[in-house]
Amino acid sequence: MNVTVLLDRAVAPDPYVLLPPVPPLDLRSDDIEDGQRLHLTFTSATQGGQDISPELHWSGFPRETRSFAVTCFDPDAPTGSGFWHWVLVGLRPTVISLARGAGTGSGIPEGAFHVPNDYGEPSYGGAAPPKGDRPHRYVFAAHALDVATIDVTPDTSPAMVGFNLTFHSLARAVVRPIA
């Protein structure tokens, strides 16, 4: 078994590497970059941040896309199952961007909704790695889906949404900043 170890602790795999492969989207942001440190704005208030979701925009999705979902997951959280920071579903196929702060709930497009993150809030919850821990990866993903709505409700767990996304994703893109 090949396991990467960093600071005497195994590094969790990228969550999407373990799933069936799908074609890539192009996901970009004016606020975050792959491998770069998150600005304090996008971290948790418990870390001195503002719990503001970053701006995101995507392109290159298949013509048969019927909806989108956006998620943010920390595979490095010391939980054994990672930590969901943001789960937004029900984005119409004409929605190809989210403004900074859309994760608060008041700025989401019509028809879309949040499921509670692992903080228990139906919104974006900023990065909050434990003090002294190594940097955590925050995997922001845009998912192009083959259905107009996935079979979830605002009370569904993030893990169940992730399960449903796996079986309806036509394409996916990720940006992995660190904090």
Protein backbone atom coordinates (compact mmCIF):
# COMPACT_ATOMS: atom_id res chain seq x y z
CA MET A 1 0.00 0.00 0.00
CA ASN A 2 1.39 3.39 -1.01
CA VAL A 3 0.50 6.00 1.63
CA THR A 4 1.93 9.51 1.71
CA VAL A 5 2.99 10.58 5.19
CA LEU A 6 3.58 14.17 6.22
CA LEU A 7 4.55 15.15 9.76
CA ASP A 8 3.98 11.59 10.99
CA ARG A 9 0.41 11.56 9.71
CA ALA A 10 -0.91 10.12 6.47
CA VAL A 11 -2.16 12.63 3.92
CA ALA A 12 -5.77 12.04 2.89
CA PRO A 13 -6.24 11.42 -0.83
CA ASP A 14 -7.82 14.02 -3.04
CA PRO A 15 -11.52 13.05 -2.77
CA TYR A 16 -12.17 13.16 -6.52
CA VAL A 17 -9.26 10.91 -7.44
CA LEU A 18 -11.12 8.01 -5.83
CA LEU A 19 -14.34 8.55 -7.81
CA PRO A 20 -15.16 7.46 -11.35
CA PRO A 21 -13.41 9.85 -13.76
CA VAL A 22 -15.43 12.49 -15.61
CA PRO A 23 -14.33 15.07 -18.19
CA PRO A 24 -12.94 18.33 -16.82
CA LEU A 25 -14.63 21.72 -16.63
CA ASP A 26 -12.70 24.96 -16.45
CA LEU A 27 -13.15 26.46 -12.97
CA ARG A 28 -11.62 29.85 -12.20
CA SER A 29 -11.82 32.46 -9.49
CA ASP A 30 -10.77 36.06 -9.00
CA ASP A 31 -10.36 35.23 -5.28
CA ILE A 32 -8.61 31.86 -4.94
CA GLU A 33 -5.86 29.95 -6.76
CA ASP A 34 -4.85 26.33 -6.85
CA GLY A 35 -2.16 25.67 -4.25
CA GLN A 36 -2.14 29.24 -2.93
CA ARG A 37 -3.06 30.33 0.59
CA LEU A 38 -6.66 31.46 1.17
CA HIS A 39 -7.05 35.12 2.04
CA LEU A 40 -8.34 35.68 5.58
CA THR A 41 -11.67 36.85 4.08
CA PHE A 42 -12.49 33.25 3.12
CA THR A 43 -11.59 31.69 6.47
CA SER A 44 -13.78 31.08 9.49
CA ALA A 45 -14.66 33.84 11.94
CA THR A 46 -13.08 31.55 14.55
CA GLN A 47 -9.77 32.18 12.74
CA GLY A 48 -10.31 35.94 12.44
CA GLY A 49 -11.88 35.59 9.00
CA GLN A 50 -15.24 36.57 7.59
CA ASP A 51 -16.78 33.28 6.33
CA ILE A 52 -17.20 34.83 2.88
CA SER A 53 -17.33 32.43 -0.07
CA PRO A 54 -15.01 33.23 -2.98
CA GLU A 55 -16.11 34.28 -6.44
CA LEU A 56 -16.23 31.32 -8.84
CA HIS A 57 -16.94 30.99 -12.58
CA TRP A 58 -16.86 27.96 -14.85
CA SER A 59 -17.04 27.02 -18.51
CA GLY A 60 -16.43 24.10 -20.84
CA PHE A 61 -19.35 22.00 -19.63
CA PRO A 62 -21.18 19.46 -21.82
CA ARG A 63 -24.22 20.62 -23.80
CA GLU A 64 -26.38 18.06 -21.99
CA THR A 65 -25.75 19.73 -18.60
CA ARG A 66 -29.08 20.17 -16.80
CA SER A 67 -27.81 21.78 -13.55
CA PHE A 68 -24.72 22.54 -11.48
CA ALA A 69 -23.62 22.06 -7.90
CA VAL A 70 -20.74 23.75 -6.06
CA THR A 71 -18.97 22.23 -3.08
CA CYS A 72 -15.99 22.84 -0.83
CA PHE A 73 -14.42 19.96 1.09
CA ASP A 74 -11.40 19.72 3.41
CA PRO A 75 -9.96 16.20 3.09
CA ASP A 76 -7.28 17.05 5.70
CA ALA A 77 -9.66 17.71 8.60
CA PRO A 78 -8.82 15.49 11.58
CA THR A 79 -12.16 13.69 11.49
CA GLY A 80 -11.56 10.47 9.57
CA SER A 81 -14.14 11.66 7.04
CA GLY A 82 -13.00 15.14 6.04
CA PHE A 83 -15.11 18.26 6.51
CA TRP A 84 -17.70 19.82 4.17
CA HIS A 85 -17.50 23.62 4.14
CA TRP A 86 -19.98 24.35 1.36
CA VAL A 87 -22.66 22.42 -0.52
CA LEU A 88 -24.81 24.36 -2.98
CA VAL A 89 -27.14 22.46 -5.32
CA GLY A 90 -29.88 23.23 -7.84
CA LEU A 91 -27.98 25.79 -9.91
CA ARG A 92 -29.67 26.12 -13.29
CA PRO A 93 -27.57 25.39 -16.39
CA THR A 94 -27.57 29.10 -17.27
CA VAL A 95 -25.80 29.94 -13.99
CA ILE A 96 -22.07 29.84 -14.74
CA SER A 97 -20.75 31.98 -11.90
CA LEU A 98 -21.22 32.84 -8.25
CA ALA A 99 -20.32 36.24 -6.85
CA ARG A 100 -18.12 36.63 -3.80
CA GLY A 101 -20.35 36.08 -0.77
CA ALA A 102 -22.97 33.94 -2.57
CA GLY A 103 -22.42 31.30 0.10
CA THR A 104 -24.24 33.36 2.72
CA GLY A 105 -27.56 32.22 1.33
CA SER A 106 -28.91 35.63 0.39
CA GLY A 107 -26.99 35.82 -2.88
CA ILE A 108 -27.71 32.41 -4.36
CA PRO A 109 -29.58 32.16 -7.66
CA GLU A 110 -33.28 31.31 -7.73
CA GLY A 111 -33.99 27.60 -7.38
CA ALA A 112 -30.65 26.77 -5.74
CA PHE A 113 -30.25 25.88 -2.07
CA HIS A 114 -27.60 25.00 0.47
CA VAL A 115 -27.52 21.85 2.52
CA PRO A 116 -25.98 22.24 5.97
CA ASN A 117 -22.20 22.14 5.97
CA ASP A 118 -20.37 20.25 8.70
CA TYR A 119 -20.66 23.33 10.92
CA GLY A 120 -24.41 22.62 10.77
CA GLU A 121 -25.18 25.81 8.81
CA PRO A 122 -26.87 26.04 5.40
CA SER A 123 -24.15 28.32 4.01
CA TYR A 124 -20.46 28.59 3.27
CA GLY A 125 -18.30 28.03 6.34
CA GLY A 126 -14.75 29.32 6.08
CA ALA A 127 -11.53 27.40 6.47
CA ALA A 128 -10.49 26.64 10.05
CA PRO A 129 -7.57 24.23 10.30
CA PRO A 130 -6.63 23.39 13.89
CA LYS A 131 -3.88 25.58 15.33
CA GLY A 132 -0.46 24.06 14.73
CA ASP A 133 -1.73 21.58 12.13
CA ARG A 134 -0.14 21.37 8.69
CA PRO A 135 -1.83 23.34 5.89
CA HIS A 136 -5.18 21.95 4.81
CA ARG A 137 -6.43 21.67 1.22
CA TYR A 138 -9.82 23.20 0.51
CA VAL A 139 -11.22 21.49 -2.57
CA PHE A 140 -13.68 23.84 -4.28
CA ALA A 141 -15.53 21.96 -7.02
CA ALA A 142 -18.07 22.78 -9.71
CA HIS A 143 -20.10 19.79 -10.88
CA ALA A 144 -22.02 19.70 -14.19
CA LEU A 145 -24.99 17.36 -13.69
CA ASP A 146 -27.16 15.29 -16.00
CA VAL A 147 -30.37 16.08 -14.06
CA ALA A 148 -32.21 19.32 -13.35
CA THR A 149 -32.45 18.39 -9.67
CA ILE A 150 -30.73 15.72 -7.65
CA ASP A 151 -32.76 13.76 -5.13
CA VAL A 152 -31.84 15.81 -2.05
CA THR A 153 -33.51 18.33 0.23
CA PRO A 154 -32.20 21.22 2.35
CA ASP A 155 -31.93 18.72 5.24
CA THR A 156 -29.81 16.17 3.37
CA SER A 157 -26.31 15.51 4.72
CA PRO A 158 -23.33 16.71 2.66
CA ALA A 159 -22.11 13.11 2.34
CA MET A 160 -25.42 12.05 0.78
CA VAL A 161 -25.24 15.00 -1.63
CA GLY A 162 -21.71 13.90 -2.54
CA PHE A 163 -23.01 10.38 -3.15
CA ASN A 164 -25.71 11.71 -5.50
CA LEU A 165 -23.26 14.01 -7.29
CA THR A 166 -21.02 11.04 -8.05
CA PHE A 167 -23.75 9.34 -10.06
CA HIS A 168 -24.96 12.46 -11.89
CA SER A 169 -21.72 14.28 -12.72
CA LEU A 170 -21.06 14.79 -16.43
CA ALA A 171 -17.98 16.92 -15.77
CA ARG A 172 -16.16 18.44 -12.81
CA ALA A 173 -13.48 21.00 -12.03
CA VAL A 174 -11.61 21.77 -8.84
CA VAL A 175 -9.48 24.53 -7.35
CA ARG A 176 -7.48 23.59 -4.24
CA PRO A 177 -6.25 26.55 -2.19
CA ILE A 178 -4.70 25.92 1.22
CA ALA A 179 -5.09 27.43 4.68
